[in-house]
């Protein structure tokens, strides 16, 4: 799902993986974290916002991935989004970073 060309499918895969992080005892998510975080580079801001809202589930159970997530969030390029969406995405990012 993460590698589908449709943004909606990628977002669904992202959200499912974040929810499943609670049961990931073999650390399979750790092996795909870079691919997972690439979904946050989607061109559709609504997809990005939905994925950002799921990151808290991942960070609750995968504390060891918090540095990678933090780095990704701090380095996201929001310039490709409309001016009406940039502040909303930035607010979502700030909210997650404040919880780290």
PDB file of N, CA and C in Angstrom:
ATOM      1  N   UNK A   1       0.809  -1.189   0.000  1.00  0.00           N
ATOM      2  CA  UNK A   1       0.000   0.000   0.000  1.00  0.00           C
ATOM      3  C   UNK A   1       0.864   1.270   0.000  1.00  0.00           C
ATOM      4  N   UNK A   2       1.979   1.234   0.702  1.00  0.00           N
ATOM      5  CA  UNK A   2       2.841   2.412   0.783  1.00  0.00           C
ATOM      6  C   UNK A   2       3.423   2.803  -0.565  1.00  0.00           C
ATOM      7  N   UNK A   3       3.527   1.859  -1.465  1.00  0.00           N
ATOM      8  CA  UNK A   3       4.186   2.110  -2.740  1.00  0.00           C
ATOM      9  C   UNK A   3       3.195   2.257  -3.885  1.00  0.00           C
ATOM     10  N   UNK A   4       1.916   2.347  -3.570  1.00  0.00           N
ATOM     11  CA  UNK A   4       0.896   2.540  -4.594  1.00  0.00           C
ATOM     12  C   UNK A   4       1.043   3.946  -5.172  1.00  0.00           C
ATOM     13  N   UNK A   5       0.612   4.129  -6.400  1.00  0.00           N
ATOM     14  CA  UNK A   5       0.719   5.467  -6.996  1.00  0.00           C
ATOM     15  C   UNK A   5      -0.394   6.399  -6.546  1.00  0.00           C
ATOM     16  N   UNK A   6      -1.459   5.856  -5.983  1.00  0.00           N
ATOM     17  CA  UNK A   6      -2.575   6.675  -5.509  1.00  0.00           C
ATOM     18  C   UNK A   6      -2.312   7.140  -4.081  1.00  0.00           C
ATOM     19  N   UNK A   7      -2.453   8.428  -3.891  1.00  0.00           N
ATOM     20  CA  UNK A   7      -2.183   9.022  -2.579  1.00  0.00           C
ATOM     21  C   UNK A   7      -3.076   8.444  -1.492  1.00  0.00           C
ATOM     22  N   UNK A   8      -4.335   8.225  -1.822  1.00  0.00           N
ATOM     23  CA  UNK A   8      -5.280   7.724  -0.822  1.00  0.00           C
ATOM     24  C   UNK A   8      -4.863   6.346  -0.312  1.00  0.00           C
ATOM     25  N   UNK A   9      -4.412   5.502  -1.198  1.00  0.00           N
ATOM     26  CA  UNK A   9      -3.979   4.150  -0.804  1.00  0.00           C
ATOM     27  C   UNK A   9      -2.731   4.238   0.076  1.00  0.00           C
ATOM     28  N   UNK A  10      -1.783   5.106  -0.308  1.00  0.00           N
ATOM     29  CA  UNK A  10      -0.574   5.282   0.506  1.00  0.00           C
ATOM     30  C   UNK A  10      -0.929   5.768   1.908  1.00  0.00           C
ATOM     31  N   UNK A  11      -1.878   6.711   1.967  1.00  0.00           N
ATOM     32  CA  UNK A  11      -2.290   7.239   3.264  1.00  0.00           C
ATOM     33  C   UNK A  11      -2.928   6.150   4.122  1.00  0.00           C
ATOM     34  N   UNK A  12      -3.737   5.314   3.515  1.00  0.00           N
ATOM     35  CA  UNK A  12      -4.361   4.221   4.270  1.00  0.00           C
ATOM     36  C   UNK A  12      -3.303   3.270   4.805  1.00  0.00           C
ATOM     37  N   UNK A  13      -2.313   2.944   3.975  1.00  0.00           N
ATOM     38  CA  UNK A  13      -1.222   2.083   4.423  1.00  0.00           C
ATOM     39  C   UNK A  13      -0.451   2.706   5.567  1.00  0.00           C
ATOM     40  N   UNK A  14      -0.185   3.999   5.467  1.00  0.00           N
ATOM     41  CA  UNK A  14       0.524   4.737   6.512  1.00  0.00           C
ATOM     42  C   UNK A  14      -0.236   4.646   7.826  1.00  0.00           C
ATOM     43  N   UNK A  15      -1.523   4.919   7.767  1.00  0.00           N
ATOM     44  CA  UNK A  15      -2.338   4.927   8.989  1.00  0.00           C
ATOM     45  C   UNK A  15      -2.455   3.534   9.602  1.00  0.00           C
ATOM     46  N   UNK A  16      -2.561   2.519   8.767  1.00  0.00           N
ATOM     47  CA  UNK A  16      -2.642   1.139   9.267  1.00  0.00           C
ATOM     48  C   UNK A  16      -1.339   0.768   9.975  1.00  0.00           C
ATOM     49  N   UNK A  17      -0.225   1.090   9.356  1.00  0.00           N
ATOM     50  CA  UNK A  17       1.079   0.770   9.964  1.00  0.00           C
ATOM     51  C   UNK A  17       1.240   1.481  11.297  1.00  0.00           C
ATOM     52  N   UNK A  18       0.831   2.734  11.357  1.00  0.00           N
ATOM     53  CA  UNK A  18       0.923   3.472  12.625  1.00  0.00           C
ATOM     54  C   UNK A  18       0.070   2.814  13.707  1.00  0.00           C
ATOM     55  N   UNK A  19      -1.123   2.369  13.344  1.00  0.00           N
ATOM     56  CA  UNK A  19      -1.991   1.691  14.315  1.00  0.00           C
ATOM     57  C   UNK A  19      -1.398   0.353  14.762  1.00  0.00           C
ATOM     58  N   UNK A  20      -0.741  -0.345  13.843  1.00  0.00           N
ATOM     59  CA  UNK A  20      -0.182  -1.660  14.156  1.00  0.00           C
ATOM     60  C   UNK A  20       1.130  -1.581  14.940  1.00  0.00           C
ATOM     61  N   UNK A  21       1.662  -0.389  15.120  1.00  0.00           N
ATOM     62  CA  UNK A  21       2.945  -0.255  15.813  1.00  0.00           C
ATOM     63  C   UNK A  21       2.898  -0.811  17.235  1.00  0.00           C
ATOM     64  N   UNK A  22       1.735  -0.840  17.815  1.00  0.00           N
ATOM     65  CA  UNK A  22       1.566  -1.378  19.171  1.00  0.00           C
ATOM     66  C   UNK A  22       1.963  -2.851  19.236  1.00  0.00           C
ATOM     67  N   UNK A  23       1.740  -3.571  18.171  1.00  0.00           N
ATOM     68  CA  UNK A  23       1.981  -5.014  18.161  1.00  0.00           C
ATOM     69  C   UNK A  23       3.234  -5.407  17.389  1.00  0.00           C
ATOM     70  N   UNK A  24       4.040  -4.467  17.001  1.00  0.00           N
ATOM     71  CA  UNK A  24       5.234  -4.745  16.203  1.00  0.00           C
ATOM     72  C   UNK A  24       6.399  -5.159  17.100  1.00  0.00           C
ATOM     73  N   UNK A  25       6.354  -6.378  17.563  1.00  0.00           N
ATOM     74  CA  UNK A  25       7.401  -6.880  18.469  1.00  0.00           C
ATOM     75  C   UNK A  25       8.685  -7.241  17.724  1.00  0.00           C
ATOM     76  N   UNK A  26       8.582  -7.517  16.419  1.00  0.00           N
ATOM     77  CA  UNK A  26       9.764  -7.881  15.627  1.00  0.00           C
ATOM     78  C   UNK A  26      10.408  -6.663  14.967  1.00  0.00           C
ATOM     79  N   UNK A  27       9.920  -5.486  15.297  1.00  0.00           N
ATOM     80  CA  UNK A  27      10.464  -4.221  14.787  1.00  0.00           C
ATOM     81  C   UNK A  27      10.489  -4.133  13.259  1.00  0.00           C
ATOM     82  N   UNK A  28       9.461  -4.636  12.635  1.00  0.00           N
ATOM     83  CA  UNK A  28       9.366  -4.558  11.176  1.00  0.00           C
ATOM     84  C   UNK A  28       9.189  -3.111  10.716  1.00  0.00           C
ATOM     85  N   UNK A  29       8.531  -2.309  11.524  1.00  0.00           N
ATOM     86  CA  UNK A  29       8.327  -0.904  11.162  1.00  0.00           C
ATOM     87  C   UNK A  29       9.661  -0.169  11.136  1.00  0.00           C
ATOM     88  N   UNK A  30      10.561  -0.534  12.014  1.00  0.00           N
ATOM     89  CA  UNK A  30      11.884   0.086  12.040  1.00  0.00           C
ATOM     90  C   UNK A  30      12.607  -0.095  10.712  1.00  0.00           C
ATOM     91  N   UNK A  31      12.357  -1.226  10.050  1.00  0.00           N
ATOM     92  CA  UNK A  31      13.013  -1.515   8.778  1.00  0.00           C
ATOM     93  C   UNK A  31      12.441  -0.705   7.617  1.00  0.00           C
ATOM     94  N   UNK A  32      11.215  -0.230   7.747  1.00  0.00           N
ATOM     95  CA  UNK A  32      10.579   0.496   6.636  1.00  0.00           C
ATOM     96  C   UNK A  32      10.292   1.952   6.982  1.00  0.00           C
ATOM     97  N   UNK A  33      10.861   2.459   8.059  1.00  0.00           N
ATOM     98  CA  UNK A  33      10.520   3.812   8.527  1.00  0.00           C
ATOM     99  C   UNK A  33      10.798   4.871   7.464  1.00  0.00           C
ATOM    100  N   UNK A  34      11.866   4.728   6.690  1.00  0.00           N
ATOM    101  CA  UNK A  34      12.171   5.723   5.664  1.00  0.00           C
ATOM    102  C   UNK A  34      11.090   5.744   4.585  1.00  0.00           C
ATOM    103  N   UNK A  35      10.643   4.589   4.161  1.00  0.00           N
ATOM    104  CA  UNK A  35       9.555   4.508   3.168  1.00  0.00           C
ATOM    105  C   UNK A  35       8.257   5.032   3.748  1.00  0.00           C
ATOM    106  N   UNK A  36       8.034   4.738   5.004  1.00  0.00           N
ATOM    107  CA  UNK A  36       6.822   5.207   5.669  1.00  0.00           C
ATOM    108  C   UNK A  36       6.784   6.728   5.725  1.00  0.00           C
ATOM    109  N   UNK A  37       7.881   7.329   6.115  1.00  0.00           N
ATOM    110  CA  UNK A  37       7.925   8.783   6.249  1.00  0.00           C
ATOM    111  C   UNK A  37       7.905   9.507   4.907  1.00  0.00           C
ATOM    112  N   UNK A  38       8.220   8.804   3.832  1.00  0.00           N
ATOM    113  CA  UNK A  38       8.148   9.405   2.501  1.00  0.00           C
ATOM    114  C   UNK A  38       6.727   9.787   2.121  1.00  0.00           C
ATOM    115  N   UNK A  39       5.756   9.136   2.698  1.00  0.00           N
ATOM    116  CA  UNK A  39       4.361   9.461   2.413  1.00  0.00           C
ATOM    117  C   UNK A  39       4.061  10.901   2.836  1.00  0.00           C
ATOM    118  N   UNK A  40       4.798  11.417   3.800  1.00  0.00           N
ATOM    119  CA  UNK A  40       4.601  12.792   4.256  1.00  0.00           C
ATOM    120  C   UNK A  40       5.029  13.825   3.211  1.00  0.00           C
ATOM    121  N   UNK A  41       5.629  13.380   2.124  1.00  0.00           N
ATOM    122  CA  UNK A  41       6.029  14.273   1.040  1.00  0.00           C
ATOM    123  C   UNK A  41       4.980  14.328  -0.068  1.00  0.00           C
ATOM    124  N   UNK A  42       3.818  13.777   0.179  1.00  0.00           N
ATOM    125  CA  UNK A  42       2.766  13.744  -0.833  1.00  0.00           C
ATOM    126  C   UNK A  42       2.400  15.160  -1.270  1.00  0.00           C
ATOM    127  N   UNK A  43       1.968  15.279  -2.510  1.00  0.00           N
ATOM    128  CA  UNK A  43       1.611  16.605  -3.031  1.00  0.00           C
ATOM    129  C   UNK A  43       0.252  17.089  -2.552  1.00  0.00           C
ATOM    130  N   UNK A  44      -0.542  16.178  -2.001  1.00  0.00           N
ATOM    131  CA  UNK A  44      -1.876  16.549  -1.524  1.00  0.00           C
ATOM    132  C   UNK A  44      -1.826  16.856  -0.025  1.00  0.00           C
ATOM    133  N   UNK A  45      -2.122  18.082   0.355  1.00  0.00           N
ATOM    134  CA  UNK A  45      -2.004  18.464   1.767  1.00  0.00           C
ATOM    135  C   UNK A  45      -2.972  17.723   2.692  1.00  0.00           C
ATOM    136  N   UNK A  46      -4.126  17.345   2.197  1.00  0.00           N
ATOM    137  CA  UNK A  46      -5.061  16.617   3.060  1.00  0.00           C
ATOM    138  C   UNK A  46      -4.516  15.237   3.412  1.00  0.00           C
ATOM    139  N   UNK A  47      -3.825  14.628   2.481  1.00  0.00           N
ATOM    140  CA  UNK A  47      -3.194  13.319   2.740  1.00  0.00           C
ATOM    141  C   UNK A  47      -2.117  13.481   3.808  1.00  0.00           C
ATOM    142  N   UNK A  48      -1.328  14.528   3.694  1.00  0.00           N
ATOM    143  CA  UNK A  48      -0.254  14.786   4.660  1.00  0.00           C
ATOM    144  C   UNK A  48      -0.844  15.018   6.047  1.00  0.00           C
ATOM    145  N   UNK A  49      -1.902  15.793   6.117  1.00  0.00           N
ATOM    146  CA  UNK A  49      -2.515  16.078   7.426  1.00  0.00           C
ATOM    147  C   UNK A  49      -3.083  14.809   8.062  1.00  0.00           C
ATOM    148  N   UNK A  50      -3.700  13.956   7.270  1.00  0.00           N
ATOM    149  CA  UNK A  50      -4.240  12.706   7.808  1.00  0.00           C
ATOM    150  C   UNK A  50      -3.119  11.802   8.304  1.00  0.00           C
ATOM    151  N   UNK A  51      -2.017  11.772   7.582  1.00  0.00           N
ATOM    152  CA  UNK A  51      -0.878  10.967   8.023  1.00  0.00           C
ATOM    153  C   UNK A  51      -0.262  11.538   9.298  1.00  0.00           C
ATOM    154  N   UNK A  52      -0.144  12.845   9.354  1.00  0.00           N
ATOM    155  CA  UNK A  52       0.407  13.479  10.563  1.00  0.00           C
ATOM    156  C   UNK A  52      -0.440  13.157  11.790  1.00  0.00           C
ATOM    157  N   UNK A  53      -1.744  13.093  11.598  1.00  0.00           N
ATOM    158  CA  UNK A  53      -2.612  12.791  12.741  1.00  0.00           C
ATOM    159  C   UNK A  53      -2.414  11.365  13.256  1.00  0.00           C
ATOM    160  N   UNK A  54      -1.865  10.490  12.431  1.00  0.00           N
ATOM    161  CA  UNK A  54      -1.629   9.102  12.838  1.00  0.00           C
ATOM    162  C   UNK A  54      -0.262   8.886  13.473  1.00  0.00           C
ATOM    163  N   UNK A  55       0.624   9.846  13.318  1.00  0.00           N
ATOM    164  CA  UNK A  55       1.986   9.668  13.839  1.00  0.00           C
ATOM    165  C   UNK A  55       2.035   9.490  15.347  1.00  0.00           C
ATOM    166  N   UNK A  56       1.083  10.052  16.068  1.00  0.00           N
ATOM    167  CA  UNK A  56       1.082   9.895  17.523  1.00  0.00           C
ATOM    168  C   UNK A  56       0.987   8.434  17.930  1.00  0.00           C
ATOM    169  N   UNK A  57       0.206   7.645  17.192  1.00  0.00           N
ATOM    170  CA  UNK A  57       0.110   6.211  17.486  1.00  0.00           C
ATOM    171  C   UNK A  57       1.465   5.535  17.332  1.00  0.00           C
ATOM    172  N   UNK A  58       2.179   5.901  16.289  1.00  0.00           N
ATOM    173  CA  UNK A  58       3.498   5.327  16.057  1.00  0.00           C
ATOM    174  C   UNK A  58       4.462   5.720  17.174  1.00  0.00           C
ATOM    175  N   UNK A  59       4.440   6.984  17.537  1.00  0.00           N
ATOM    176  CA  UNK A  59       5.395   7.483  18.530  1.00  0.00           C
ATOM    177  C   UNK A  59       5.116   6.980  19.938  1.00  0.00           C
ATOM    178  N   UNK A  60       3.899   6.573  20.208  1.00  0.00           N
ATOM    179  CA  UNK A  60       3.583   6.001  21.520  1.00  0.00           C
ATOM    180  C   UNK A  60       4.315   4.688  21.759  1.00  0.00           C
ATOM    181  N   UNK A  61       4.427   3.893  20.707  1.00  0.00           N
ATOM    182  CA  UNK A  61       4.964   2.543  20.862  1.00  0.00           C
ATOM    183  C   UNK A  61       6.350   2.356  20.259  1.00  0.00           C
ATOM    184  N   UNK A  62       6.783   3.300  19.449  1.00  0.00           N
ATOM    185  CA  UNK A  62       8.092   3.206  18.804  1.00  0.00           C
ATOM    186  C   UNK A  62       8.924   4.427  19.175  1.00  0.00           C
ATOM    187  N   UNK A  63       9.237   4.527  20.433  1.00  0.00           N
ATOM    188  CA  UNK A  63       9.978   5.676  20.950  1.00  0.00           C
ATOM    189  C   UNK A  63      11.352   5.769  20.288  1.00  0.00           C
ATOM    190  N   UNK A  64      11.927   4.627  19.946  1.00  0.00           N
ATOM    191  CA  UNK A  64      13.246   4.622  19.324  1.00  0.00           C
ATOM    192  C   UNK A  64      13.250   5.252  17.929  1.00  0.00           C
ATOM    193  N   UNK A  65      12.081   5.439  17.339  1.00  0.00           N
ATOM    194  CA  UNK A  65      11.992   6.072  16.017  1.00  0.00           C
ATOM    195  C   UNK A  65      11.726   7.577  16.094  1.00  0.00           C
ATOM    196  N   UNK A  66      11.628   8.094  17.297  1.00  0.00           N
ATOM    197  CA  UNK A  66      11.261   9.499  17.454  1.00  0.00           C
ATOM    198  C   UNK A  66      12.283  10.450  16.836  1.00  0.00           C
ATOM    199  N   UNK A  67      13.559  10.097  16.865  1.00  0.00           N
ATOM    200  CA  UNK A  67      14.574  10.963  16.267  1.00  0.00           C
ATOM    201  C   UNK A  67      14.403  11.066  14.753  1.00  0.00           C
ATOM    202  N   UNK A  68      14.121   9.934  14.113  1.00  0.00           N
ATOM    203  CA  UNK A  68      13.902   9.944  12.663  1.00  0.00           C
ATOM    204  C   UNK A  68      12.659  10.745  12.309  1.00  0.00           C
ATOM    205  N   UNK A  69      11.613  10.548  13.077  1.00  0.00           N
ATOM    206  CA  UNK A  69      10.366  11.273  12.828  1.00  0.00           C
ATOM    207  C   UNK A  69      10.584  12.766  13.041  1.00  0.00           C
ATOM    208  N   UNK A  70      11.268  13.115  14.116  1.00  0.00           N
ATOM    209  CA  UNK A  70      11.535  14.521  14.400  1.00  0.00           C
ATOM    210  C   UNK A  70      12.341  15.163  13.273  1.00  0.00           C
ATOM    211  N   UNK A  71      13.350  14.465  12.808  1.00  0.00           N
ATOM    212  CA  UNK A  71      14.169  14.981  11.719  1.00  0.00           C
ATOM    213  C   UNK A  71      13.337  15.198  10.454  1.00  0.00           C
ATOM    214  N   UNK A  72      12.495  14.236  10.149  1.00  0.00           N
ATOM    215  CA  UNK A  72      11.636  14.349   8.967  1.00  0.00           C
ATOM    216  C   UNK A  72      10.695  15.546   9.093  1.00  0.00           C
ATOM    217  N   UNK A  73      10.077  15.698  10.244  1.00  0.00           N
ATOM    218  CA  UNK A  73       9.120  16.784  10.437  1.00  0.00           C
ATOM    219  C   UNK A  73       9.794  18.155  10.355  1.00  0.00           C
ATOM    220  N   UNK A  74      10.977  18.255  10.887  1.00  0.00           N
ATOM    221  CA  UNK A  74      11.685  19.537  10.870  1.00  0.00           C
ATOM    222  C   UNK A  74      12.177  19.905   9.470  1.00  0.00           C
ATOM    223  N   UNK A  75      12.363  18.912   8.627  1.00  0.00           N
ATOM    224  CA  UNK A  75      12.908  19.158   7.292  1.00  0.00           C
ATOM    225  C   UNK A  75      11.872  19.069   6.179  1.00  0.00           C
ATOM    226  N   UNK A  76      10.612  19.053   6.525  1.00  0.00           N
ATOM    227  CA  UNK A  76       9.575  18.979   5.492  1.00  0.00           C
ATOM    228  C   UNK A  76       9.497  20.301   4.734  1.00  0.00           C
ATOM    229  N   UNK A  77       9.336  20.196   3.430  1.00  0.00           N
ATOM    230  CA  UNK A  77       9.215  21.372   2.567  1.00  0.00           C
ATOM    231  C   UNK A  77       7.737  21.671   2.346  1.00  0.00           C
ATOM    232  N   UNK A  78       7.256  22.715   2.979  1.00  0.00           N
ATOM    233  CA  UNK A  78       5.843  23.073   2.878  1.00  0.00           C
ATOM    234  C   UNK A  78       5.565  24.073   1.756  1.00  0.00           C
ATOM    235  N   UNK A  79       6.592  24.462   1.050  1.00  0.00           N
ATOM    236  CA  UNK A  79       6.423  25.483   0.010  1.00  0.00           C
ATOM    237  C   UNK A  79       5.561  25.015  -1.159  1.00  0.00           C
ATOM    238  N   UNK A  80       5.404  23.707  -1.333  1.00  0.00           N
ATOM    239  CA  UNK A  80       4.619  23.207  -2.459  1.00  0.00           C
ATOM    240  C   UNK A  80       3.110  23.274  -2.217  1.00  0.00           C
ATOM    241  N   UNK A  81       2.709  23.606  -1.010  1.00  0.00           N
ATOM    242  CA  UNK A  81       1.283  23.658  -0.672  1.00  0.00           C
ATOM    243  C   UNK A  81       0.747  25.076  -0.767  1.00  0.00           C
ATOM    244  N   UNK A  82      -0.533  25.181  -0.960  1.00  0.00           N
ATOM    245  CA  UNK A  82      -1.180  26.491  -1.024  1.00  0.00           C
ATOM    246  C   UNK A  82      -1.020  27.211   0.312  1.00  0.00           C
ATOM    247  N   UNK A  83      -1.052  28.529   0.229  1.00  0.00           N
ATOM    248  CA  UNK A  83      -0.882  29.344   1.436  1.00  0.00           C
ATOM    249  C   UNK A  83      -1.951  29.058   2.491  1.00  0.00           C
ATOM    250  N   UNK A  84      -3.099  28.608   2.059  1.00  0.00           N
ATOM    251  CA  UNK A  84      -4.170  28.306   3.014  1.00  0.00           C
ATOM    252  C   UNK A  84      -3.899  27.015   3.792  1.00  0.00           C
ATOM    253  N   UNK A  85      -3.076  26.128   3.239  1.00  0.00           N
ATOM    254  CA  UNK A  85      -2.810  24.844   3.896  1.00  0.00           C
ATOM    255  C   UNK A  85      -1.508  24.823   4.690  1.00  0.00           C
ATOM    256  N   UNK A  86      -0.559  25.636   4.310  1.00  0.00           N
ATOM    257  CA  UNK A  86       0.747  25.640   4.990  1.00  0.00           C
ATOM    258  C   UNK A  86       0.638  25.822   6.497  1.00  0.00           C
ATOM    259  N   UNK A  87      -0.126  26.811   6.973  1.00  0.00           N
ATOM    260  CA  UNK A  87      -0.195  26.987   8.429  1.00  0.00           C
ATOM    261  C   UNK A  87      -0.848  25.815   9.149  1.00  0.00           C
ATOM    262  N   UNK A  88      -1.787  25.172   8.488  1.00  0.00           N
ATOM    263  CA  UNK A  88      -2.450  24.017   9.111  1.00  0.00           C
ATOM    264  C   UNK A  88      -1.488  22.841   9.248  1.00  0.00           C
ATOM    265  N   UNK A  89      -0.737  22.593   8.199  1.00  0.00           N
ATOM    266  CA  UNK A  89       0.247  21.505   8.253  1.00  0.00           C
ATOM    267  C   UNK A  89       1.324  21.836   9.284  1.00  0.00           C
ATOM    268  N   UNK A  90       1.770  23.077   9.294  1.00  0.00           N
ATOM    269  CA  UNK A  90       2.792  23.490  10.265  1.00  0.00           C
ATOM    270  C   UNK A  90       2.276  23.350  11.695  1.00  0.00           C
ATOM    271  N   UNK A  91       1.034  23.667  11.906  1.00  0.00           N
ATOM    272  CA  UNK A  91       0.438  23.513  13.240  1.00  0.00           C
ATOM    273  C   UNK A  91       0.419  22.039  13.656  1.00  0.00           C
ATOM    274  N   UNK A  92       0.067  21.156  12.723  1.00  0.00           N
ATOM    275  CA  UNK A  92       0.082  19.711  13.002  1.00  0.00           C
ATOM    276  C   UNK A  92       1.491  19.251  13.350  1.00  0.00           C
ATOM    277  N   UNK A  93       2.459  19.716  12.584  1.00  0.00           N
ATOM    278  CA  UNK A  93       3.862  19.348  12.823  1.00  0.00           C
ATOM    279  C   UNK A  93       4.309  19.852  14.198  1.00  0.00           C
ATOM    280  N   UNK A  94       4.009  21.103  14.503  1.00  0.00           N
ATOM    281  CA  UNK A  94       4.400  21.675  15.791  1.00  0.00           C
ATOM    282  C   UNK A  94       3.787  20.926  16.959  1.00  0.00           C
ATOM    283  N   UNK A  95       2.558  20.515  16.787  1.00  0.00           N
ATOM    284  CA  UNK A  95       1.865  19.757  17.839  1.00  0.00           C
ATOM    285  C   UNK A  95       2.591  18.436  18.120  1.00  0.00           C
ATOM    286  N   UNK A  96       3.003  17.765  17.081  1.00  0.00           N
ATOM    287  CA  UNK A  96       3.735  16.486  17.244  1.00  0.00           C
ATOM    288  C   UNK A  96       5.103  16.742  17.867  1.00  0.00           C
ATOM    289  N   UNK A  97       5.792  17.750  17.376  1.00  0.00           N
ATOM    290  CA  UNK A  97       7.128  18.050  17.905  1.00  0.00           C
ATOM    291  C   UNK A  97       7.089  18.453  19.377  1.00  0.00           C
ATOM    292  N   UNK A  98       6.040  19.112  19.785  1.00  0.00           N
ATOM    293  CA  UNK A  98       5.897  19.497  21.189  1.00  0.00           C
ATOM    294  C   UNK A  98       5.691  18.297  22.103  1.00  0.00           C
ATOM    295  N   UNK A  99       5.170  17.227  21.558  1.00  0.00           N
ATOM    296  CA  UNK A  99       4.934  16.015  22.355  1.00  0.00           C
ATOM    297  C   UNK A  99       6.161  15.124  22.450  1.00  0.00           C
ATOM    298  N   UNK A 100       7.153  15.380  21.607  1.00  0.00           N
ATOM    299  CA  UNK A 100       8.360  14.531  21.619  1.00  0.00           C
ATOM    300  C   UNK A 100       9.242  14.823  22.794  1.00  0.00           C
TER     301      UNK A 100
END
